[in-house]
Protein backbone atom coordinates (compact mmCIF):
# COMPACT_ATOMS: atom_id res chain seq x y z
CA UNK A 1 0.00 0.00 0.00
CA UNK A 2 1.19 3.51 -0.70
CA UNK A 3 0.26 7.14 -0.35
CA UNK A 4 0.84 10.00 -2.77
CA UNK A 5 0.66 13.44 -1.19
CA UNK A 6 -2.46 13.75 0.97
CA UNK A 7 -4.52 11.34 -1.15
CA UNK A 8 -4.29 7.71 -0.08
CA UNK A 9 -5.78 4.55 -1.43
CA UNK A 10 -4.79 0.90 -1.21
CA UNK A 11 -2.87 -0.46 -4.20
CA UNK A 12 -2.41 -3.99 -5.42
CA UNK A 13 0.39 -5.17 -7.70
CA UNK A 14 -1.02 -7.84 -10.01
CA UNK A 15 1.70 -7.93 -12.68
CA UNK A 16 4.20 -10.34 -11.20
CA UNK A 17 4.79 -12.04 -14.58
CA UNK A 18 6.38 -8.84 -15.87
CA UNK A 19 8.95 -8.91 -13.07
CA UNK A 20 9.25 -9.50 -9.36
CA UNK A 21 10.81 -7.60 -6.52
CA UNK A 22 14.34 -8.73 -5.70
CA UNK A 23 14.73 -11.11 -2.78
CA UNK A 24 16.67 -9.42 0.03
CA UNK A 25 19.30 -12.17 0.26
CA UNK A 26 19.79 -12.05 -3.50
CA UNK A 27 20.21 -8.28 -3.44
CA UNK A 28 22.62 -8.41 -0.51
CA UNK A 29 24.72 -11.03 -2.30
CA UNK A 30 24.81 -8.88 -5.42
CA UNK A 31 25.98 -5.78 -3.53
CA UNK A 32 28.62 -7.68 -1.57
CA UNK A 33 29.97 -9.47 -4.66
CA UNK A 34 30.03 -6.30 -6.75
CA UNK A 35 31.97 -4.57 -3.99
CA UNK A 36 34.42 -7.39 -3.34
CA UNK A 37 35.07 -8.40 -6.97
CA UNK A 38 35.08 -5.29 -9.19
CA UNK A 39 37.58 -6.64 -11.72
CA UNK A 40 36.79 -7.82 -15.23
CA UNK A 41 36.54 -11.64 -15.12
CA UNK A 42 38.38 -11.85 -18.46
CA UNK A 43 41.48 -10.15 -17.04
CA UNK A 44 44.45 -12.40 -16.33
CA UNK A 45 45.68 -10.62 -13.21
CA UNK A 46 44.82 -11.86 -9.71
CA UNK A 47 41.70 -9.68 -9.18
CA UNK A 48 40.43 -10.76 -12.59
CA UNK A 49 41.02 -14.42 -11.77
CA UNK A 50 39.11 -14.02 -8.49
CA UNK A 51 36.21 -12.43 -10.37
CA UNK A 52 36.36 -15.28 -12.86
CA UNK A 53 36.18 -17.81 -10.03
CA UNK A 54 32.99 -16.17 -8.76
CA UNK A 55 31.49 -16.28 -12.26
CA UNK A 56 32.28 -19.97 -12.61
CA UNK A 57 30.92 -20.70 -9.15
CA UNK A 58 27.63 -19.14 -10.25
CA UNK A 59 27.63 -21.23 -13.42
CA UNK A 60 28.20 -24.42 -11.44
CA UNK A 61 25.42 -23.59 -8.98
CA UNK A 62 22.89 -22.93 -11.73
CA UNK A 63 23.93 -26.11 -13.52
CA UNK A 64 23.46 -28.13 -10.34
CA UNK A 65 20.01 -26.63 -9.74
CA UNK A 66 18.97 -27.64 -13.27
CA UNK A 67 20.62 -31.07 -13.34
CA UNK A 68 23.29 -30.01 -15.84
CA UNK A 69 27.04 -29.47 -15.89
CA UNK A 70 28.71 -26.07 -15.89
CA UNK A 71 29.57 -26.21 -19.61
CA UNK A 72 25.83 -26.36 -20.34
CA UNK A 73 25.14 -22.88 -18.88
CA UNK A 74 25.54 -19.65 -20.83
CA UNK A 75 25.03 -16.13 -19.44
CA UNK A 76 23.21 -13.41 -21.39
CA UNK A 77 21.79 -9.96 -20.70
CA UNK A 78 18.28 -11.34 -20.14
CA UNK A 79 15.64 -13.80 -21.28
CA UNK A 80 15.08 -11.92 -24.52
CA UNK A 81 18.70 -12.21 -25.59
CA UNK A 82 18.77 -15.85 -24.55
CA UNK A 83 15.72 -16.57 -26.71
CA UNK A 84 17.09 -14.59 -29.67
CA UNK A 85 20.41 -16.39 -29.42
CA UNK A 86 18.71 -19.79 -29.43
CA UNK A 87 16.41 -19.02 -32.34
CA UNK A 88 19.14 -17.52 -34.50
CA UNK A 89 21.89 -19.95 -33.53
CA UNK A 90 20.43 -23.46 -33.09
CA UNK A 91 19.89 -26.05 -35.80
CA UNK A 92 20.09 -25.61 -39.56
CA UNK A 93 19.57 -21.88 -40.03
CA UNK A 94 18.64 -22.33 -43.69
CA UNK A 95 15.47 -24.10 -42.54
CA UNK A 96 12.43 -22.59 -40.76
CA UNK A 97 11.47 -22.84 -37.11
CA UNK A 98 8.45 -24.92 -36.12
CA UNK A 99 6.44 -22.97 -33.52
CA UNK A 100 2.97 -21.68 -32.63
CA UNK A 101 1.29 -18.34 -31.83
CA UNK A 102 1.84 -19.13 -28.15
CA UNK A 103 5.42 -17.89 -28.32
CA UNK A 104 6.75 -14.68 -26.77
CA UNK A 105 7.82 -11.98 -29.26
CA UNK A 106 11.46 -12.66 -28.31
CA UNK A 107 11.01 -16.08 -29.94
CA UNK A 108 8.44 -15.35 -32.64
CA UNK A 109 10.03 -12.28 -34.18
CA UNK A 110 13.56 -13.66 -34.75
CA UNK A 111 11.94 -16.84 -36.07
CA UNK A 112 10.17 -14.79 -38.74
CA UNK A 113 13.56 -13.77 -40.10
CA UNK A 114 14.52 -17.40 -40.41
CA UNK A 115 11.14 -18.59 -41.66
CA UNK A 116 8.40 -20.36 -39.75
CA UNK A 117 6.22 -23.43 -39.93
CA UNK A 118 3.18 -22.95 -37.71
CA UNK A 119 1.34 -25.26 -35.35
CA UNK A 120 -2.20 -24.42 -34.25
CA UNK A 121 -3.50 -23.67 -30.76
CA UNK A 122 -6.86 -24.56 -29.24
CA UNK A 123 -9.27 -22.24 -27.43
CA UNK A 124 -7.17 -22.53 -24.25
CA UNK A 125 -4.02 -21.50 -26.08
CA UNK A 126 -2.49 -24.97 -25.91
CA UNK A 127 -0.37 -25.94 -28.91
CA UNK A 128 -1.32 -28.97 -30.97
CA UNK A 129 2.14 -30.41 -31.59
CA UNK A 130 2.16 -31.93 -35.06
CA UNK A 131 4.64 -33.02 -37.72
CA UNK A 132 5.20 -30.14 -40.14
CA UNK A 133 4.53 -30.40 -43.85
CA UNK A 134 8.03 -29.13 -44.58
CA UNK A 135 11.56 -29.62 -43.31
CA UNK A 136 12.46 -27.52 -40.28
CA UNK A 137 15.74 -26.75 -38.55
CA UNK A 138 14.44 -26.16 -35.03
CA UNK A 139 11.37 -26.77 -32.87
CA UNK A 140 10.41 -24.05 -30.37
CA UNK A 141 7.70 -24.36 -27.72
CA UNK A 142 7.23 -22.12 -24.70
CA UNK A 143 6.81 -23.94 -21.38
CA UNK A 144 4.25 -21.58 -19.82
CA UNK A 145 2.53 -19.18 -22.20
CA UNK A 146 3.11 -15.59 -21.10
CA UNK A 147 -0.37 -14.10 -21.44
CA UNK A 148 -2.73 -17.00 -20.75
CA UNK A 149 -0.38 -18.93 -18.48
CA UNK A 150 -1.21 -22.20 -20.23
CA UNK A 151 1.27 -25.05 -19.81
CA UNK A 152 2.36 -26.33 -23.20
CA UNK A 153 2.99 -29.99 -24.19
CA UNK A 154 6.78 -29.82 -24.09
CA UNK A 155 7.12 -33.62 -23.84
CA UNK A 156 5.30 -33.97 -27.17
CA UNK A 157 7.54 -31.31 -28.71
CA UNK A 158 10.63 -33.12 -27.42
CA UNK A 159 9.47 -36.38 -29.00
CA UNK A 160 8.80 -34.62 -32.29
CA UNK A 161 12.19 -32.88 -32.25
CA UNK A 162 13.92 -36.22 -31.70
CA UNK A 163 11.90 -37.74 -34.54
CA UNK A 164 12.88 -34.88 -36.85
CA UNK A 165 16.50 -34.89 -35.68
CA UNK A 166 16.49 -31.19 -34.75
CA UNK A 167 17.06 -29.24 -31.52
CA UNK A 168 14.22 -28.17 -29.22
CA UNK A 169 14.18 -24.71 -27.66
CA UNK A 170 11.94 -23.99 -24.67
CA UNK A 171 11.27 -20.52 -23.31
CA UNK A 172 10.98 -21.20 -19.56
CA UNK A 173 10.90 -17.57 -18.40
CA UNK A 174 7.43 -17.83 -16.85
CA UNK A 175 7.86 -21.33 -15.45
CA UNK A 176 10.93 -20.76 -13.26
CA UNK A 177 9.76 -21.31 -9.69
CA UNK A 178 6.25 -22.29 -10.80
CA UNK A 179 6.66 -25.49 -12.82
CA UNK A 180 9.05 -28.44 -12.62
CA UNK A 181 11.90 -27.78 -15.03
CA UNK A 182 13.47 -31.19 -14.45
CA UNK A 183 11.60 -33.10 -17.19
CA UNK A 184 12.12 -30.23 -19.65
CA UNK A 185 15.88 -30.21 -19.15
CA UNK A 186 16.02 -34.01 -19.13
CA UNK A 187 14.26 -34.07 -22.52
CA UNK A 188 17.35 -32.49 -24.07
CA UNK A 189 15.75 -29.09 -24.63
CA UNK A 190 17.73 -25.87 -24.61
CA UNK A 191 15.96 -23.57 -22.14
CA UNK A 192 15.98 -19.82 -21.56
CA UNK A 193 15.53 -18.44 -18.03
CA UNK A 194 14.76 -14.93 -16.86
CA UNK A 195 15.67 -14.78 -13.14
CA UNK A 196 14.03 -11.40 -12.53
CA UNK A 197 10.65 -13.14 -12.81
CA UNK A 198 11.58 -15.27 -9.79
CA UNK A 199 12.93 -12.71 -7.29
CA UNK A 200 16.22 -12.26 -9.14
CA UNK A 201 17.82 -9.13 -10.59
CA UNK A 202 16.98 -7.61 -13.96
CA UNK A 203 19.52 -7.39 -16.77
CA UNK A 204 20.68 -10.99 -16.64
CA UNK A 205 19.54 -14.20 -18.31
CA UNK A 206 20.52 -17.81 -18.77
CA UNK A 207 20.52 -20.14 -21.76
CA UNK A 208 21.11 -23.73 -20.70
CA UNK A 209 20.92 -27.27 -21.98
CA UNK A 210 22.90 -30.42 -22.62
CA UNK A 211 25.52 -30.04 -25.30
CA UNK A 212 24.76 -26.36 -25.71
CA UNK A 213 28.31 -25.49 -26.71
CA UNK A 214 28.35 -28.00 -29.55
CA UNK A 215 25.19 -26.88 -31.32
CA UNK A 216 24.99 -23.11 -30.91
CA UNK A 217 26.38 -20.36 -33.12
CA UNK A 218 26.94 -16.86 -31.72
CA UNK A 219 24.69 -13.94 -32.55
CA UNK A 220 27.21 -11.25 -31.57
CA UNK A 221 30.89 -10.78 -32.38
CA UNK A 222 33.72 -9.07 -30.55
CA UNK A 223 35.05 -11.29 -27.78
CA UNK A 224 35.76 -14.81 -26.60
CA UNK A 225 33.62 -14.69 -23.46
CA UNK A 226 31.19 -17.54 -22.75
CA UNK A 227 33.28 -19.91 -24.87
CA UNK A 228 32.97 -17.50 -27.79
CA UNK A 229 29.19 -17.91 -27.89
CA UNK A 230 28.22 -14.64 -26.21
CA UNK A 231 30.89 -11.89 -26.31
CA UNK A 232 30.74 -9.09 -23.78
CA UNK A 233 31.95 -8.51 -20.24
CA UNK A 234 30.11 -10.71 -17.76
CA UNK A 235 28.97 -9.57 -14.32
CA UNK A 236 30.08 -11.99 -11.61
CA UNK A 237 27.80 -10.19 -9.14
CA UNK A 238 24.69 -10.59 -11.32
CA UNK A 239 25.59 -14.20 -12.09
CA UNK A 240 26.11 -15.19 -8.46
CA UNK A 241 23.07 -13.31 -7.16
CA UNK A 242 20.82 -14.82 -9.80
CA UNK A 243 22.30 -18.26 -9.19
CA UNK A 244 20.93 -17.88 -5.67
CA UNK A 245 17.56 -16.73 -7.07
CA UNK A 246 17.39 -19.77 -9.36
CA UNK A 247 18.38 -22.13 -6.54
CA UNK A 248 15.65 -20.67 -4.34
CA UNK A 249 13.06 -20.82 -7.12
CA UNK A 250 13.77 -24.50 -7.76
CA UNK A 251 14.04 -25.48 -4.09
CA UNK A 252 10.89 -23.70 -2.91
CA UNK A 253 8.68 -24.33 -5.91
CA UNK A 254 6.54 -27.06 -4.35
CA UNK A 255 5.86 -24.98 -1.26
CA UNK A 256 4.97 -21.86 -3.26
CA UNK A 257 2.66 -23.45 -5.82
CA UNK A 258 -0.12 -23.94 -3.29
CA UNK A 259 0.03 -20.36 -2.05
CA UNK A 260 0.02 -19.02 -5.62
CA UNK A 261 -3.11 -21.01 -6.41
CA UNK A 262 -4.76 -19.78 -3.22
CA UNK A 263 -4.00 -16.16 -4.08
CA UNK A 264 -5.38 -16.58 -7.60
CA UNK A 265 -8.54 -18.16 -6.23
CA UNK A 266 -8.88 -15.36 -3.70
CA UNK A 267 -8.67 -12.75 -6.45
CA UNK A 268 -11.34 -14.48 -8.56
CA UNK A 269 -13.63 -14.77 -5.54
CA UNK A 270 -13.26 -11.04 -4.95
CA UNK A 271 -13.94 -10.30 -8.62
CA UNK A 272 -17.20 -12.23 -8.45
CA UNK A 273 -18.57 -10.16 -5.56
CA UNK A 274 -20.18 -8.04 -8.30
CA UNK A 275 -21.88 -9.22 -11.46
CA UNK A 276 -19.62 -8.31 -14.36
CA UNK A 277 -19.73 -9.95 -17.76
CA UNK A 278 -16.41 -11.75 -18.07
CA UNK A 279 -14.72 -14.94 -19.21
CA UNK A 280 -11.71 -16.55 -17.57
CA UNK A 281 -9.49 -17.57 -20.47
CA UNK A 282 -6.81 -19.31 -18.42
CA UNK A 283 -7.52 -23.03 -17.92
CA UNK A 284 -7.09 -23.51 -14.17
CA UNK A 285 -6.17 -27.19 -14.46
CA UNK A 286 -3.44 -26.63 -17.04
CA UNK A 287 -1.68 -23.36 -16.24
CA UNK A 288 0.99 -21.84 -14.07
CA UNK A 289 -0.56 -21.37 -10.62
CA UNK A 290 -0.17 -17.60 -10.34
CA UNK A 291 -1.69 -16.35 -13.59
CA UNK A 292 -5.19 -15.61 -14.86
CA UNK A 293 -6.24 -13.87 -18.09
CA UNK A 294 -9.77 -12.47 -18.10
CA UNK A 295 -11.83 -11.08 -20.98
CA UNK A 296 -14.31 -8.38 -19.93
CA UNK A 297 -17.21 -7.96 -22.33
CA UNK A 298 -18.92 -4.66 -22.92
CA UNK A 299 -15.86 -2.60 -22.05
CA UNK A 300 -13.80 -0.26 -24.19
CA UNK A 301 -10.41 -1.93 -23.82
CA UNK A 302 -8.62 1.38 -24.36
CA UNK A 303 -9.98 2.59 -21.01
CA UNK A 304 -9.72 -0.60 -19.01
CA UNK A 305 -6.08 -0.74 -17.91
CA UNK A 306 -5.85 3.02 -17.17
CA UNK A 307 -9.03 2.81 -15.08
CA UNK A 308 -7.72 -0.18 -13.14
CA UNK A 309 -4.41 1.60 -12.61
CA UNK A 310 -6.13 4.72 -11.25
CA UNK A 311 -8.09 2.49 -8.90
CA UNK A 312 -4.88 0.97 -7.58
CA UNK A 313 -5.04 -2.39 -9.39
CA UNK A 314 -1.83 -2.67 -11.40
CA UNK A 315 -2.13 -5.30 -14.13
CA UNK A 316 -1.39 -5.69 -17.84
CA UNK A 317 -2.60 -7.00 -21.19
CA UNK A 318 0.27 -9.47 -21.10
CA UNK A 319 3.97 -9.45 -21.89
CA UNK A 320 5.63 -6.17 -20.86
CA UNK A 321 7.77 -6.49 -24.00
CA UNK A 322 4.62 -5.86 -26.04
CA UNK A 323 3.22 -2.99 -23.96
CA UNK A 324 2.02 -0.12 -26.11
CA UNK A 325 1.71 -2.31 -29.21
CA UNK A 326 -1.16 -1.22 -31.49
CA UNK A 327 -2.52 -4.77 -31.72
CA UNK A 328 -3.47 -7.18 -28.90
CA UNK A 329 -1.20 -10.11 -28.02
CA UNK A 330 -0.99 -12.63 -30.87
CA UNK A 331 -2.25 -15.49 -28.73
CA UNK A 332 -5.60 -13.79 -28.05
CA UNK A 333 -6.41 -13.54 -31.74
CA UNK A 334 -5.13 -17.08 -32.28
CA UNK A 335 -7.68 -18.48 -29.79
CA UNK A 336 -10.52 -16.78 -31.64
CA UNK A 337 -11.06 -13.41 -29.96
CA UNK A 338 -11.83 -10.42 -32.14
CA UNK A 339 -9.70 -7.32 -31.66
CA UNK A 340 -12.30 -5.48 -29.56
CA UNK A 341 -12.61 -8.31 -27.00
CA UNK A 342 -8.87 -9.02 -27.11
CA UNK A 343 -8.20 -5.40 -26.12
CA UNK A 344 -10.56 -5.87 -23.18
CA UNK A 345 -8.47 -8.70 -21.74
CA UNK A 346 -6.38 -8.26 -18.61
CA UNK A 347 -3.68 -10.54 -17.25
CA UNK A 348 -3.47 -10.65 -13.46
CA UNK A 349 -0.40 -12.42 -12.04
CA UNK A 350 0.68 -12.90 -8.44
CA UNK A 351 3.78 -13.72 -6.42
CA UNK A 352 2.18 -15.89 -3.75
CA UNK A 353 3.56 -13.59 -1.04
CA UNK A 354 0.54 -11.28 -0.95
CA UNK A 355 -1.06 -10.62 2.44
CA UNK A 356 -4.02 -12.87 3.17
CA UNK A 357 -7.20 -11.26 1.95
CA UNK A 358 -5.47 -8.56 -0.07
CA UNK A 359 -6.14 -10.14 -3.44
CA UNK A 360 -9.80 -10.63 -2.57
CA UNK A 361 -9.93 -6.86 -2.13
CA UNK A 362 -8.05 -6.39 -5.42
CA UNK A 363 -10.57 -8.57 -7.24
CA UNK A 364 -13.48 -6.67 -5.71
CA UNK A 365 -11.94 -3.33 -6.69
CA UNK A 366 -11.37 -4.60 -10.25
CA UNK A 367 -15.02 -5.65 -10.41
CA UNK A 368 -16.11 -2.15 -9.35
CA UNK A 369 -14.02 -0.62 -12.12
CA UNK A 370 -15.29 -3.02 -14.77
CA UNK A 371 -18.91 -2.60 -13.71
CA UNK A 372 -18.61 1.17 -13.98
CA UNK A 373 -17.07 0.92 -17.45
CA UNK A 374 -19.69 -1.57 -18.62
CA UNK A 375 -22.50 0.79 -17.59
CA UNK A 376 -20.97 3.50 -19.78
CA UNK A 377 -21.13 1.38 -22.94
């Protein structure tokens, strides 16, 4: 809750999927490491070697958390770069990428440059994994869809990739700390992680998977860092702090899933305290536990998010990377919504740490806003 000047009202942050607050231990580790190891980890002098040791310790810790070895972990500037690097650098680049409209723009847009073969999605946004009618060089399937939160059939995609003899890339940004990554990594997929969505620090990402070094080509040029696959000076402090965030996300996932589901249920109960015409698009039984996408009928979508924001309910249409785009998220049109209804969709996402009862109040406040807007139509 916050106050601005003399005017006060409760506020509720319901956009956890766009980024989380940093865990205090993670932040403290970052500050201490940055202070103690300021040298460039590529330098050959003693301070540089100490910084390098910290960087490699972080790599080993992330690898252990994912069931990999250190050579299978690559550091990037974020999940977007990790996804771009995978799409542009894995498999036969003369052949298209097999994917669906469920993908994040960081996957979909670089794939367009390479060429795409498309799989369909059903009304819930779940991809129907199917053999393509043409040769492809790579299969890409997000683990948890960013806007709807639907869990995708990665095991089916892994089987298809093996059958086709091509790599599988999985965007796991929204599943870190919410879904079990073990089977995904064990399938042989190359995965991208975005630690700032799981109480880590922004500006740092991870691309990881078995045999990564042997099948990936660099996107950037200019240095030999990260085994020549991602040039640029690494940050030992970011790497070590986010290694801790990833370890915590993996270790505490089972405990947190139940609280996330409870918070989501609490929000929906609050929303239903008033009669508003809406449809929950997220399939509760097959989604990440903290996310719900809702379509509100009879509302001018251009006014919806600003009105919610003014009322203290901070949410989004979906991926922050697409904020301000003139068209709704691709997945909403793919599941059959027209543009008007797609613009009237709101994604609410939660951390699981919200105070008991607070998200019931958030849902009730959202219902008040929607009801007021519906009466104006």
